[in-house]
PDB file of N, CA and C in Angstrom:
ATOM      1  N   MET A   1     148.194 107.013  71.668  1.00  0.00           N
ATOM      2  CA  MET A   1     147.382 106.078  70.907  1.00  0.00           C
ATOM      3  C   MET A   1     147.533 104.688  71.532  1.00  0.00           C
ATOM      4  N   VAL A   2     146.420 103.975  71.641  1.00  0.00           N
ATOM      5  CA  VAL A   2     146.434 102.606  72.151  1.00  0.00           C
ATOM      6  C   VAL A   2     147.248 101.731  71.205  1.00  0.00           C
ATOM      7  N   GLY A   3     148.141 100.935  71.768  1.00  0.00           N
ATOM      8  CA  GLY A   3     148.914  99.977  70.984  1.00  0.00           C
ATOM      9  C   GLY A   3     148.147  98.675  70.831  1.00  0.00           C
ATOM     10  N   ILE A   4     148.444  97.951  69.778  1.00  0.00           N
ATOM     11  CA  ILE A   4     147.740  96.694  69.482  1.00  0.00           C
ATOM     12  C   ILE A   4     148.777  95.614  69.231  1.00  0.00           C
ATOM     13  N   VAL A   5     148.561  94.451  69.834  1.00  0.00           N
ATOM     14  CA  VAL A   5     149.418  93.296  69.594  1.00  0.00           C
ATOM     15  C   VAL A   5     148.539  92.155  69.108  1.00  0.00           C
ATOM     16  N   ILE A   6     148.985  91.503  68.053  1.00  0.00           N
ATOM     17  CA  ILE A   6     148.266  90.364  67.489  1.00  0.00           C
ATOM     18  C   ILE A   6     149.087  89.115  67.772  1.00  0.00           C
ATOM     19  N   VAL A   7     148.524  88.218  68.576  1.00  0.00           N
ATOM     20  CA  VAL A   7     149.196  86.985  68.969  1.00  0.00           C
ATOM     21  C   VAL A   7     148.533  85.815  68.232  1.00  0.00           C
ATOM     22  N   SER A   8     149.346  85.072  67.519  1.00  0.00           N
ATOM     23  CA  SER A   8     148.849  83.899  66.801  1.00  0.00           C
ATOM     24  C   SER A   8     149.871  82.782  66.901  1.00  0.00           C
ATOM     25  N   HIS A   9     149.406  81.569  66.721  1.00  0.00           N
ATOM     26  CA  HIS A   9     150.305  80.424  66.650  1.00  0.00           C
ATOM     27  C   HIS A   9     151.145  80.465  65.381  1.00  0.00           C
ATOM     28  N   SER A  10     150.718  81.237  64.412  1.00  0.00           N
ATOM     29  CA  SER A  10     151.395  81.329  63.123  1.00  0.00           C
ATOM     30  C   SER A  10     151.923  82.745  62.902  1.00  0.00           C
ATOM     31  N   GLN A  11     153.192  82.849  62.576  1.00  0.00           N
ATOM     32  CA  GLN A  11     153.773  84.152  62.266  1.00  0.00           C
ATOM     33  C   GLN A  11     153.059  84.774  61.071  1.00  0.00           C
ATOM     34  N   LYS A  12     152.738  83.940  60.068  1.00  0.00           N
ATOM     35  CA  LYS A  12     152.069  84.460  58.869  1.00  0.00           C
ATOM     36  C   LYS A  12     150.675  84.998  59.180  1.00  0.00           C
ATOM     37  N   VAL A  13     149.945  84.327  60.062  1.00  0.00           N
ATOM     38  CA  VAL A  13     148.610  84.802  60.428  1.00  0.00           C
ATOM     39  C   VAL A  13     148.708  86.135  61.158  1.00  0.00           C
ATOM     40  N   ALA A  14     149.616  86.230  62.119  1.00  0.00           N
ATOM     41  CA  ALA A  14     149.770  87.477  62.874  1.00  0.00           C
ATOM     42  C   ALA A  14     150.179  88.622  61.957  1.00  0.00           C
ATOM     43  N   GLU A  15     151.138  88.377  61.083  1.00  0.00           N
ATOM     44  CA  GLU A  15     151.594  89.416  60.163  1.00  0.00           C
ATOM     45  C   GLU A  15     150.518  89.775  59.141  1.00  0.00           C
ATOM     46  N   GLY A  16     149.747  88.783  58.688  1.00  0.00           N
ATOM     47  CA  GLY A  16     148.673  89.054  57.732  1.00  0.00           C
ATOM     48  C   GLY A  16     147.567  89.899  58.341  1.00  0.00           C
ATOM     49  N   ALA A  17     147.179  89.582  59.576  1.00  0.00           N
ATOM     50  CA  ALA A  17     146.157  90.383  60.255  1.00  0.00           C
ATOM     51  C   ALA A  17     146.660  91.807  60.469  1.00  0.00           C
ATOM     52  N   MET A  18     147.934  91.943  60.819  1.00  0.00           N
ATOM     53  CA  MET A  18     148.524  93.265  60.994  1.00  0.00           C
ATOM     54  C   MET A  18     148.523  94.035  59.668  1.00  0.00           C
ATOM     55  N   GLU A  19     148.882  93.361  58.595  1.00  0.00           N
ATOM     56  CA  GLU A  19     148.916  94.002  57.278  1.00  0.00           C
ATOM     57  C   GLU A  19     147.535  94.535  56.892  1.00  0.00           C
ATOM     58  N   LEU A  20     146.497  93.733  57.095  1.00  0.00           N
ATOM     59  CA  LEU A  20     145.135  94.181  56.777  1.00  0.00           C
ATOM     60  C   LEU A  20     144.735  95.377  57.636  1.00  0.00           C
ATOM     61  N   ALA A  21     145.035  95.299  58.923  1.00  0.00           N
ATOM     62  CA  ALA A  21     144.672  96.387  59.829  1.00  0.00           C
ATOM     63  C   ALA A  21     145.380  97.687  59.438  1.00  0.00           C
ATOM     64  N   LEU A  22     146.638  97.575  59.061  1.00  0.00           N
ATOM     65  CA  LEU A  22     147.387  98.775  58.663  1.00  0.00           C
ATOM     66  C   LEU A  22     146.885  99.356  57.344  1.00  0.00           C
ATOM     67  N   GLN A  23     146.236  98.550  56.508  1.00  0.00           N
ATOM     68  CA  GLN A  23     145.628  99.073  55.285  1.00  0.00           C
ATOM     69  C   GLN A  23     144.471 100.014  55.621  1.00  0.00           C
ATOM     70  N   MET A  24     143.804  99.735  56.740  1.00  0.00           N
ATOM     71  CA  MET A  24     142.657 100.544  57.151  1.00  0.00           C
ATOM     72  C   MET A  24     143.059 101.708  58.049  1.00  0.00           C
ATOM     73  N   ALA A  25     144.181 101.546  58.749  1.00  0.00           N
ATOM     74  CA  ALA A  25     144.627 102.577  59.697  1.00  0.00           C
ATOM     75  C   ALA A  25     146.151 102.582  59.703  1.00  0.00           C
ATOM     76  N   ALA A  26     146.724 103.256  58.729  1.00  0.00           N
ATOM     77  CA  ALA A  26     148.174 103.200  58.495  1.00  0.00           C
ATOM     78  C   ALA A  26     149.004 103.732  59.655  1.00  0.00           C
ATOM     79  N   ASP A  27     148.425 104.603  60.471  1.00  0.00           N
ATOM     80  CA  ASP A  27     149.204 105.170  61.579  1.00  0.00           C
ATOM     81  C   ASP A  27     149.035 104.410  62.892  1.00  0.00           C
ATOM     82  N   ALA A  28     148.285 103.320  62.878  1.00  0.00           N
ATOM     83  CA  ALA A  28     148.082 102.534  64.100  1.00  0.00           C
ATOM     84  C   ALA A  28     149.401 101.938  64.581  1.00  0.00           C
ATOM     85  N   ARG A  29     149.502 101.789  65.897  1.00  0.00           N
ATOM     86  CA  ARG A  29     150.686 101.172  66.514  1.00  0.00           C
ATOM     87  C   ARG A  29     150.372  99.694  66.707  1.00  0.00           C
ATOM     88  N   ILE A  30     150.853  98.842  65.809  1.00  0.00           N
ATOM     89  CA  ILE A  30     150.533  97.415  65.830  1.00  0.00           C
ATOM     90  C   ILE A  30     151.812  96.602  65.758  1.00  0.00           C
ATOM     91  N   ALA A  31     151.834  95.508  66.518  1.00  0.00           N
ATOM     92  CA  ALA A  31     152.940  94.555  66.447  1.00  0.00           C
ATOM     93  C   ALA A  31     152.368  93.154  66.324  1.00  0.00           C
ATOM     94  N   ALA A  32     153.020  92.345  65.512  1.00  0.00           N
ATOM     95  CA  ALA A  32     152.633  90.937  65.343  1.00  0.00           C
ATOM     96  C   ALA A  32     153.559  90.070  66.181  1.00  0.00           C
ATOM     97  N   ALA A  33     152.977  89.124  66.912  1.00  0.00           N
ATOM     98  CA  ALA A  33     153.755  88.190  67.729  1.00  0.00           C
ATOM     99  C   ALA A  33     153.244  86.786  67.427  1.00  0.00           C
ATOM    100  N   GLY A  34     153.735  86.222  66.341  1.00  0.00           N
ATOM    101  CA  GLY A  34     153.238  84.921  65.922  1.00  0.00           C
ATOM    102  C   GLY A  34     154.325  83.884  65.826  1.00  0.00           C
ATOM    103  N   GLY A  35     153.952  82.664  66.143  1.00  0.00           N
ATOM    104  CA  GLY A  35     154.852  81.532  65.967  1.00  0.00           C
ATOM    105  C   GLY A  35     155.977  81.475  66.983  1.00  0.00           C
ATOM    106  N   LEU A  36     156.789  80.459  66.806  1.00  0.00           N
ATOM    107  CA  LEU A  36     157.946  80.228  67.669  1.00  0.00           C
ATOM    108  C   LEU A  36     159.193  80.880  67.063  1.00  0.00           C
ATOM    109  N   PRO A  37     160.234  81.073  67.867  1.00  0.00           N
ATOM    110  CA  PRO A  37     161.458  81.694  67.349  1.00  0.00           C
ATOM    111  C   PRO A  37     162.066  80.961  66.152  1.00  0.00           C
ATOM    112  N   ASP A  38     161.881  79.645  66.074  1.00  0.00           N
ATOM    113  CA  ASP A  38     162.444  78.881  64.953  1.00  0.00           C
ATOM    114  C   ASP A  38     161.539  78.879  63.726  1.00  0.00           C
ATOM    115  N   GLY A  39     160.431  79.652  63.790  1.00  0.00           N
ATOM    116  CA  GLY A  39     159.498  79.726  62.670  1.00  0.00           C
ATOM    117  C   GLY A  39     158.383  78.705  62.743  1.00  0.00           C
ATOM    118  N   GLY A  40     158.416  77.849  63.739  1.00  0.00           N
ATOM    119  CA  GLY A  40     157.385  76.827  63.881  1.00  0.00           C
ATOM    120  C   GLY A  40     156.086  77.389  64.437  1.00  0.00           C
ATOM    121  N   ILE A  41     155.099  76.510  64.502  1.00  0.00           N
ATOM    122  CA  ILE A  41     153.779  76.867  65.011  1.00  0.00           C
ATOM    123  C   ILE A  41     153.793  76.815  66.536  1.00  0.00           C
ATOM    124  N   GLY A  42     153.255  77.862  67.147  1.00  0.00           N
ATOM    125  CA  GLY A  42     153.181  77.933  68.602  1.00  0.00           C
ATOM    126  C   GLY A  42     153.194  79.380  69.048  1.00  0.00           C
ATOM    127  N   THR A  43     153.256  79.583  70.346  1.00  0.00           N
ATOM    128  CA  THR A  43     153.334  80.941  70.884  1.00  0.00           C
ATOM    129  C   THR A  43     154.565  81.052  71.766  1.00  0.00           C
ATOM    130  N   ASP A  44     155.132  82.237  71.815  1.00  0.00           N
ATOM    131  CA  ASP A  44     156.387  82.452  72.509  1.00  0.00           C
ATOM    132  C   ASP A  44     156.278  83.646  73.448  1.00  0.00           C
ATOM    133  N   PHE A  45     156.538  83.406  74.721  1.00  0.00           N
ATOM    134  CA  PHE A  45     156.470  84.434  75.747  1.00  0.00           C
ATOM    135  C   PHE A  45     157.289  85.663  75.363  1.00  0.00           C
ATOM    136  N   GLN A  46     158.529  85.474  74.976  1.00  0.00           N
ATOM    137  CA  GLN A  46     159.427  86.590  74.691  1.00  0.00           C
ATOM    138  C   GLN A  46     158.944  87.419  73.498  1.00  0.00           C
ATOM    139  N   LYS A  47     158.451  86.745  72.454  1.00  0.00           N
ATOM    140  CA  LYS A  47     157.930  87.481  71.292  1.00  0.00           C
ATOM    141  C   LYS A  47     156.755  88.369  71.686  1.00  0.00           C
ATOM    142  N   ILE A  48     155.870  87.822  72.503  1.00  0.00           N
ATOM    143  CA  ILE A  48     154.693  88.591  72.933  1.00  0.00           C
ATOM    144  C   ILE A  48     155.119  89.756  73.813  1.00  0.00           C
ATOM    145  N   LEU A  49     156.017  89.492  74.763  1.00  0.00           N
ATOM    146  CA  LEU A  49     156.500  90.545  75.655  1.00  0.00           C
ATOM    147  C   LEU A  49     157.145  91.678  74.864  1.00  0.00           C
ATOM    148  N   GLU A  50     158.001  91.344  73.933  1.00  0.00           N
ATOM    149  CA  GLU A  50     158.676  92.371  73.129  1.00  0.00           C
ATOM    150  C   GLU A  50     157.685  93.162  72.281  1.00  0.00           C
ATOM    151  N   ALA A  51     156.660  92.487  71.762  1.00  0.00           N
ATOM    152  CA  ALA A  51     155.643  93.179  70.968  1.00  0.00           C
ATOM    153  C   ALA A  51     154.869  94.169  71.835  1.00  0.00           C
ATOM    154  N   VAL A  52     154.501  93.756  73.035  1.00  0.00           N
ATOM    155  CA  VAL A  52     153.780  94.647  73.944  1.00  0.00           C
ATOM    156  C   VAL A  52     154.648  95.859  74.276  1.00  0.00           C
ATOM    157  N   GLU A  53     155.899  95.618  74.599  1.00  0.00           N
ATOM    158  CA  GLU A  53     156.800  96.726  74.943  1.00  0.00           C
ATOM    159  C   GLU A  53     156.997  97.676  73.764  1.00  0.00           C
ATOM    160  N   ARG A  54     157.003  97.135  72.543  1.00  0.00           N
ATOM    161  CA  ARG A  54     157.215  97.951  71.335  1.00  0.00           C
ATOM    162  C   ARG A  54     156.070  98.932  71.080  1.00  0.00           C
ATOM    163  N   VAL A  55     154.834  98.530  71.383  1.00  0.00           N
ATOM    164  CA  VAL A  55     153.685  99.394  71.074  1.00  0.00           C
ATOM    165  C   VAL A  55     153.104 100.086  72.300  1.00  0.00           C
ATOM    166  N   ALA A  56     153.673  99.837  73.472  1.00  0.00           N
ATOM    167  CA  ALA A  56     153.127 100.391  74.712  1.00  0.00           C
ATOM    168  C   ALA A  56     153.146 101.922  74.690  1.00  0.00           C
ATOM    169  N   SER A  57     152.107 102.471  75.259  1.00  0.00           N
ATOM    170  CA  SER A  57     152.008 103.916  75.431  1.00  0.00           C
ATOM    171  C   SER A  57     151.197 104.171  76.696  1.00  0.00           C
ATOM    172  N   GLU A  58     151.111 105.426  77.074  1.00  0.00           N
ATOM    173  CA  GLU A  58     150.317 105.752  78.259  1.00  0.00           C
ATOM    174  C   GLU A  58     148.834 105.459  78.048  1.00  0.00           C
ATOM    175  N   ASP A  59     148.415 105.293  76.793  1.00  0.00           N
ATOM    176  CA  ASP A  59     147.019 104.970  76.490  1.00  0.00           C
ATOM    177  C   ASP A  59     146.714 103.492  76.645  1.00  0.00           C
ATOM    178  N   GLY A  60     147.741 102.664  76.804  1.00  0.00           N
ATOM    179  CA  GLY A  60     147.539 101.239  77.023  1.00  0.00           C
ATOM    180  C   GLY A  60     147.773 100.418  75.770  1.00  0.00           C
ATOM    181  N   VAL A  61     147.596  99.124  75.949  1.00  0.00           N
ATOM    182  CA  VAL A  61     147.792  98.142  74.882  1.00  0.00           C
ATOM    183  C   VAL A  61     146.598  97.200  74.887  1.00  0.00           C
ATOM    184  N   VAL A  62     146.156  96.821  73.698  1.00  0.00           N
ATOM    185  CA  VAL A  62     145.106  95.809  73.527  1.00  0.00           C
ATOM    186  C   VAL A  62     145.731  94.638  72.787  1.00  0.00           C
ATOM    187  N   ILE A  63     145.522  93.438  73.322  1.00  0.00           N
ATOM    188  CA  ILE A  63     146.123  92.235  72.748  1.00  0.00           C
ATOM    189  C   ILE A  63     145.030  91.323  72.232  1.00  0.00           C
ATOM    190  N   LEU A  64     145.155  90.936  70.953  1.00  0.00           N
ATOM    191  CA  LEU A  64     144.249  89.962  70.354  1.00  0.00           C
ATOM    192  C   LEU A  64     144.989  88.634  70.253  1.00  0.00           C
ATOM    193  N   PHE A  65     144.265  87.531  70.323  1.00  0.00           N
ATOM    194  CA  PHE A  65     144.892  86.210  70.254  1.00  0.00           C
ATOM    195  C   PHE A  65     144.022  85.270  69.446  1.00  0.00           C
ATOM    196  N   ASP A  66     144.640  84.197  68.923  1.00  0.00           N
ATOM    197  CA  ASP A  66     143.845  83.290  68.104  1.00  0.00           C
ATOM    198  C   ASP A  66     143.177  82.172  68.902  1.00  0.00           C
ATOM    199  N   MET A  67     143.885  81.462  69.778  1.00  0.00           N
ATOM    200  CA  MET A  67     143.243  80.352  70.498  1.00  0.00           C
ATOM    201  C   MET A  67     144.160  79.782  71.569  1.00  0.00           C
ATOM    202  N   GLY A  68     143.574  78.983  72.423  1.00  0.00           N
ATOM    203  CA  GLY A  68     144.254  78.125  73.386  1.00  0.00           C
ATOM    204  C   GLY A  68     145.492  78.682  74.056  1.00  0.00           C
ATOM    205  N   SER A  69     146.644  78.113  73.703  1.00  0.00           N
ATOM    206  CA  SER A  69     147.874  78.495  74.394  1.00  0.00           C
ATOM    207  C   SER A  69     148.284  79.936  74.114  1.00  0.00           C
ATOM    208  N   ALA A  70     147.776  80.532  73.058  1.00  0.00           N
ATOM    209  CA  ALA A  70     148.047  81.954  72.820  1.00  0.00           C
ATOM    210  C   ALA A  70     147.482  82.782  73.978  1.00  0.00           C
ATOM    211  N   LEU A  71     146.319  82.399  74.462  1.00  0.00           N
ATOM    212  CA  LEU A  71     145.732  83.080  75.609  1.00  0.00           C
ATOM    213  C   LEU A  71     146.563  82.817  76.857  1.00  0.00           C
ATOM    214  N   MET A  72     146.921  81.581  77.098  1.00  0.00           N
ATOM    215  CA  MET A  72     147.695  81.249  78.301  1.00  0.00           C
ATOM    216  C   MET A  72     149.041  81.966  78.317  1.00  0.00           C
ATOM    217  N   THR A  73     149.732  81.978  77.190  1.00  0.00           N
ATOM    218  CA  THR A  73     151.031  82.645  77.127  1.00  0.00           C
ATOM    219  C   THR A  73     150.866  84.144  77.300  1.00  0.00           C
ATOM    220  N   THR A  74     149.836  84.711  76.695  1.00  0.00           N
ATOM    221  CA  THR A  74     149.576  86.144  76.837  1.00  0.00           C
ATOM    222  C   THR A  74     149.260  86.495  78.282  1.00  0.00           C
ATOM    223  N   GLU A  75     148.500  85.659  78.963  1.00  0.00           N
ATOM    224  CA  GLU A  75     148.199  85.911  80.378  1.00  0.00           C
ATOM    225  C   GLU A  75     149.482  85.905  81.217  1.00  0.00           C
ATOM    226  N   MET A  76     150.412  85.007  80.911  1.00  0.00           N
ATOM    227  CA  MET A  76     151.693  84.985  81.627  1.00  0.00           C
ATOM    228  C   MET A  76     152.470  86.279  81.376  1.00  0.00           C
ATOM    229  N   VAL A  77     152.429  86.767  80.136  1.00  0.00           N
ATOM    230  CA  VAL A  77     153.094  88.034  79.824  1.00  0.00           C
ATOM    231  C   VAL A  77     152.465  89.162  80.640  1.00  0.00           C
ATOM    232  N   LEU A  78     151.143  89.215  80.693  1.00  0.00           N
ATOM    233  CA  LEU A  78     150.468  90.275  81.451  1.00  0.00           C
ATOM    234  C   LEU A  78     150.887  90.252  82.919  1.00  0.00           C
ATOM    235  N   GLU A  79     151.025  89.051  83.478  1.00  0.00           N
ATOM    236  CA  GLU A  79     151.431  88.925  84.883  1.00  0.00           C
ATOM    237  C   GLU A  79     152.843  89.454  85.112  1.00  0.00           C
ATOM    238  N   SER A  80     153.672  89.437  84.082  1.00  0.00           N
ATOM    239  CA  SER A  80     155.064  89.872  84.237  1.00  0.00           C
ATOM    240  C   SER A  80     155.270  91.362  83.976  1.00  0.00           C
ATOM    241  N   LEU A  81     154.280  92.027  83.420  1.00  0.00           N
ATOM    242  CA  LEU A  81     154.432  93.432  83.042  1.00  0.00           C
ATOM    243  C   LEU A  81     154.467  94.344  84.259  1.00  0.00           C
ATOM    244  N   GLU A  82     155.312  95.345  84.170  1.00  0.00           N
ATOM    245  CA  GLU A  82     155.353  96.382  85.195  1.00  0.00           C
ATOM    246  C   GLU A  82     155.237  97.729  84.504  1.00  0.00           C
ATOM    247  N   GLY A  83     154.244  98.496  84.899  1.00  0.00           N
ATOM    248  CA  GLY A  83     154.103  99.842  84.362  1.00  0.00           C
ATOM    249  C   GLY A  83     153.473  99.934  82.987  1.00  0.00           C
ATOM    250  N   ILE A  84     152.960  98.830  82.469  1.00  0.00           N
ATOM    251  CA  ILE A  84     152.283  98.841  81.167  1.00  0.00           C
ATOM    252  C   ILE A  84     150.850  98.369  81.385  1.00  0.00           C
ATOM    253  N   ASN A  85     149.903  99.180  80.953  1.00  0.00           N
ATOM    254  CA  ASN A  85     148.492  98.847  81.063  1.00  0.00           C
ATOM    255  C   ASN A  85     148.091  98.070  79.801  1.00  0.00           C
ATOM    256  N   ALA A  86     148.029  96.760  79.910  1.00  0.00           N
ATOM    257  CA  ALA A  86     147.667  95.923  78.762  1.00  0.00           C
ATOM    258  C   ALA A  86     146.455  95.073  79.112  1.00  0.00           C
ATOM    259  N   ALA A  87     145.608  94.853  78.122  1.00  0.00           N
ATOM    260  CA  ALA A  87     144.392  94.068  78.318  1.00  0.00           C
ATOM    261  C   ALA A  87     144.176  93.150  77.123  1.00  0.00           C
ATOM    262  N   ILE A  88     143.608  91.987  77.403  1.00  0.00           N
ATOM    263  CA  ILE A  88     143.325  91.006  76.357  1.00  0.00           C
ATOM    264  C   ILE A  88     141.917  91.244  75.820  1.00  0.00           C
ATOM    265  N   ALA A  89     141.818  91.293  74.504  1.00  0.00           N
ATOM    266  CA  ALA A  89     140.532  91.510  73.844  1.00  0.00           C
ATOM    267  C   ALA A  89     139.884  90.170  73.510  1.00  0.00           C
ATOM    268  N   ASP A  90     138.564  90.127  73.627  1.00  0.00           N
ATOM    269  CA  ASP A  90     137.799  88.934  73.292  1.00  0.00           C
ATOM    270  C   ASP A  90     137.062  89.183  71.986  1.00  0.00           C
ATOM    271  N   GLY A  91     137.642  88.687  70.891  1.00  0.00           N
ATOM    272  CA  GLY A  91     137.020  88.885  69.593  1.00  0.00           C
ATOM    273  C   GLY A  91     137.835  88.210  68.511  1.00  0.00           C
ATOM    274  N   PRO A  92     137.371  88.284  67.289  1.00  0.00           N
ATOM    275  CA  PRO A  92     138.069  87.640  66.175  1.00  0.00           C
ATOM    276  C   PRO A  92     139.395  88.336  65.875  1.00  0.00           C
ATOM    277  N   ILE A  93     140.378  87.568  65.484  1.00  0.00           N
ATOM    278  CA  ILE A  93     141.717  88.125  65.308  1.00  0.00           C
ATOM    279  C   ILE A  93     141.822  89.049  64.085  1.00  0.00           C
ATOM    280  N   VAL A  94     141.218  88.697  62.968  1.00  0.00           N
ATOM    281  CA  VAL A  94     141.350  89.536  61.767  1.00  0.00           C
ATOM    282  C   VAL A  94     140.410  90.734  61.835  1.00  0.00           C
ATOM    283  N   GLU A  95     139.121  90.489  61.962  1.00  0.00           N
ATOM    284  CA  GLU A  95     138.170  91.589  62.038  1.00  0.00           C
ATOM    285  C   GLU A  95     138.442  92.447  63.266  1.00  0.00           C
ATOM    286  N   GLY A  96     138.830  91.798  64.364  1.00  0.00           N
ATOM    287  CA  GLY A  96     139.145  92.520  65.595  1.00  0.00           C
ATOM    288  C   GLY A  96     140.358  93.415  65.442  1.00  0.00           C
ATOM    289  N   ALA A  97     141.375  92.934  64.736  1.00  0.00           N
ATOM    290  CA  ALA A  97     142.579  93.749  64.518  1.00  0.00           C
ATOM    291  C   ALA A  97     142.235  94.998  63.711  1.00  0.00           C
ATOM    292  N   ILE A  98     141.389  94.838  62.713  1.00  0.00           N
ATOM    293  CA  ILE A  98     140.980  95.990  61.901  1.00  0.00           C
ATOM    294  C   ILE A  98     140.175  96.970  62.750  1.00  0.00           C
ATOM    295  N   ALA A  99     139.213  96.452  63.503  1.00  0.00           N
ATOM    296  CA  ALA A  99     138.398  97.320  64.360  1.00  0.00           C
ATOM    297  C   ALA A  99     139.264  98.020  65.405  1.00  0.00           C
ATOM    298  N   ALA A 100     140.214  97.311  65.974  1.00  0.00           N
ATOM    299  CA  ALA A 100     141.100  97.901  66.981  1.00  0.00           C
ATOM    300  C   ALA A 100     141.964  98.992  66.366  1.00  0.00           C
ATOM    301  N   ALA A 101     142.523  98.719  65.200  1.00  0.00           N
ATOM    302  CA  ALA A 101     143.406  99.694  64.544  1.00  0.00           C
ATOM    303  C   ALA A 101     142.660 100.972  64.196  1.00  0.00           C
ATOM    304  N   VAL A 102     141.477 100.833  63.632  1.00  0.00           N
ATOM    305  CA  VAL A 102     140.697 102.011  63.258  1.00  0.00           C
ATOM    306  C   VAL A 102     140.295 102.787  64.515  1.00  0.00           C
ATOM    307  N   SER A 103     139.841 102.084  65.534  1.00  0.00           N
ATOM    308  CA  SER A 103     139.413 102.746  66.772  1.00  0.00           C
ATOM    309  C   SER A 103     140.571 103.467  67.447  1.00  0.00           C
ATOM    310  N   ALA A 104     141.709 102.799  67.523  1.00  0.00           N
ATOM    311  CA  ALA A 104     142.877 103.430  68.150  1.00  0.00           C
ATOM    312  C   ALA A 104     143.358 104.630  67.346  1.00  0.00           C
ATOM    313  N   SER A 105     143.333 104.505  66.023  1.00  0.00           N
ATOM    314  CA  SER A 105     143.863 105.585  65.179  1.00  0.00           C
ATOM    315  C   SER A 105     143.018 106.850  65.227  1.00  0.00           C
ATOM    316  N   ILE A 106     141.755 106.728  65.596  1.00  0.00           N
ATOM    317  CA  ILE A 106     140.918 107.931  65.726  1.00  0.00           C
ATOM    318  C   ILE A 106     140.903 108.450  67.161  1.00  0.00           C
ATOM    319  N   GLY A 107     141.744 107.859  68.008  1.00  0.00           N
ATOM    320  CA  GLY A 107     141.931 108.389  69.344  1.00  0.00           C
ATOM    321  C   GLY A 107     141.066 107.807  70.435  1.00  0.00           C
ATOM    322  N   LEU A 108     140.362 106.716  70.154  1.00  0.00           N
ATOM    323  CA  LEU A 108     139.553 106.106  71.206  1.00  0.00           C
ATOM    324  C   LEU A 108     140.456 105.476  72.258  1.00  0.00           C
ATOM    325  N   GLY A 109     139.969 105.398  73.477  1.00  0.00           N
ATOM    326  CA  GLY A 109     140.719 104.839  74.592  1.00  0.00           C
ATOM    327  C   GLY A 109     140.710 103.322  74.604  1.00  0.00           C
ATOM    328  N   GLN A 110     141.458 102.779  75.543  1.00  0.00           N
ATOM    329  CA  GLN A 110     141.626 101.325  75.628  1.00  0.00           C
ATOM    330  C   GLN A 110     140.292 100.584  75.771  1.00  0.00           C
ATOM    331  N   GLN A 111     139.407 101.054  76.620  1.00  0.00           N
ATOM    332  CA  GLN A 111     138.127 100.366  76.816  1.00  0.00           C
ATOM    333  C   GLN A 111     137.282 100.393  75.543  1.00  0.00           C
ATOM    334  N   ALA A 112     137.300 101.495  74.833  1.00  0.00           N
ATOM    335  CA  ALA A 112     136.553 101.597  73.581  1.00  0.00           C
ATOM    336  C   ALA A 112     137.152 100.684  72.514  1.00  0.00           C
ATOM    337  N   VAL A 113     138.475 100.563  72.492  1.00  0.00           N
ATOM    338  CA  VAL A 113     139.126  99.656  71.537  1.00  0.00           C
ATOM    339  C   VAL A 113     138.767  98.208  71.871  1.00  0.00           C
ATOM    340  N   LEU A 114     138.787  97.857  73.138  1.00  0.00           N
ATOM    341  CA  LEU A 114     138.378  96.504  73.556  1.00  0.00           C
ATOM    342  C   LEU A 114     136.940  96.213  73.122  1.00  0.00           C
ATOM    343  N   GLU A 115     136.062  97.183  73.293  1.00  0.00           N
ATOM    344  CA  GLU A 115     134.659  97.013  72.896  1.00  0.00           C
ATOM    345  C   GLU A 115     134.532  96.887  71.384  1.00  0.00           C
ATOM    346  N   ALA A 116     135.326  97.630  70.628  1.00  0.00           N
ATOM    347  CA  ALA A 116     135.283  97.528  69.164  1.00  0.00           C
ATOM    348  C   ALA A 116     135.675  96.121  68.716  1.00  0.00           C
ATOM    349  N   VAL A 117     136.673  95.542  69.371  1.00  0.00           N
ATOM    350  CA  VAL A 117     137.080  94.166  69.044  1.00  0.00           C
ATOM    351  C   VAL A 117     135.951  93.198  69.363  1.00  0.00           C
ATOM    352  N   ARG A 118     135.333  93.364  70.547  1.00  0.00           N
ATOM    353  CA  ARG A 118     134.234  92.483  70.929  1.00  0.00           C
ATOM    354  C   ARG A 118     133.081  92.584  69.937  1.00  0.00           C
ATOM    355  N   GLN A 119     132.756  93.801  69.546  1.00  0.00           N
ATOM    356  CA  GLN A 119     131.667  94.023  68.591  1.00  0.00           C
ATOM    357  C   GLN A 119     131.981  93.427  67.222  1.00  0.00           C
ATOM    358  N   ALA A 120     133.240  93.429  66.844  1.00  0.00           N
ATOM    359  CA  ALA A 120     133.631  92.861  65.546  1.00  0.00           C
ATOM    360  C   ALA A 120     133.247  91.388  65.458  1.00  0.00           C
ATOM    361  N   GLY A 121     133.176  90.723  66.585  1.00  0.00           N
ATOM    362  CA  GLY A 121     132.792  89.325  66.597  1.00  0.00           C
ATOM    363  C   GLY A 121     131.300  89.083  66.532  1.00  0.00           C
ATOM    364  N   THR A 122     130.511  90.152  66.641  1.00  0.00           N
ATOM    365  CA  THR A 122     129.057  89.981  66.622  1.00  0.00           C
ATOM    366  C   THR A 122     128.431  90.409  65.303  1.00  0.00           C
ATOM    367  N   GLU A 123     129.236  90.995  64.435  1.00  0.00           N
ATOM    368  CA  GLU A 123     128.697  91.469  63.154  1.00  0.00           C
ATOM    369  C   GLU A 123     128.546  90.303  62.174  1.00  0.00           C
ATOM    370  N   PRO A 124     127.387  90.152  61.564  1.00  0.00           N
ATOM    371  CA  PRO A 124     127.221  89.083  60.577  1.00  0.00           C
ATOM    372  C   PRO A 124     128.041  89.369  59.323  1.00  0.00           C
ATOM    373  N   LYS A 125     128.541  88.306  58.721  1.00  0.00           N
ATOM    374  CA  LYS A 125     129.332  88.467  57.500  1.00  0.00           C
ATOM    375  C   LYS A 125     128.459  88.401  56.252  1.00  0.00           C
ATOM    376  N   LEU A 126     127.330  87.779  56.365  1.00  0.00           N
ATOM    377  CA  LEU A 126     126.392  87.678  55.237  1.00  0.00           C
ATOM    378  C   LEU A 126     125.181  88.542  55.506  1.00  0.00           C
ATOM    379  N   LEU A 127     124.763  89.263  54.529  1.00  0.00           N
ATOM    380  CA  LEU A 127     123.560  90.056  54.661  1.00  0.00           C
ATOM    381  C   LEU A 127     122.380  89.239  54.137  1.00  0.00           C
ATOM    382  N   SER A 128     121.297  89.245  54.861  1.00  0.00           N
ATOM    383  CA  SER A 128     120.137  88.468  54.453  1.00  0.00           C
ATOM    384  C   SER A 128     119.320  89.197  53.423  1.00  0.00           C
TER     385      SER A 128
END
């Protein structure tokens, strides 16, 4: 099963997105990597690396991020990985986490999970 990592500047945001995703797909492999080690706002290389390693599988890992330095730190983590197929998803963190979890839990591959996250960002929230 594809692993999912949620990277946010806030530990609470990352954990909240993970909690929602697990409500929809309880067997999904998800890790939250939010905030700094001291509980402050920011992103931490080691937290992200450990989260990726925790959910890694032969099916790969999909990483969602909230903004700015979360992307930069995640890219540094990807550059340091050996033997783990991880990719950064371009989509909303909450809706994307849910779409990723459901897609991974039904056995879709890494590319399909990445596409599900991307599509989650194109769905309108209001119906006309």
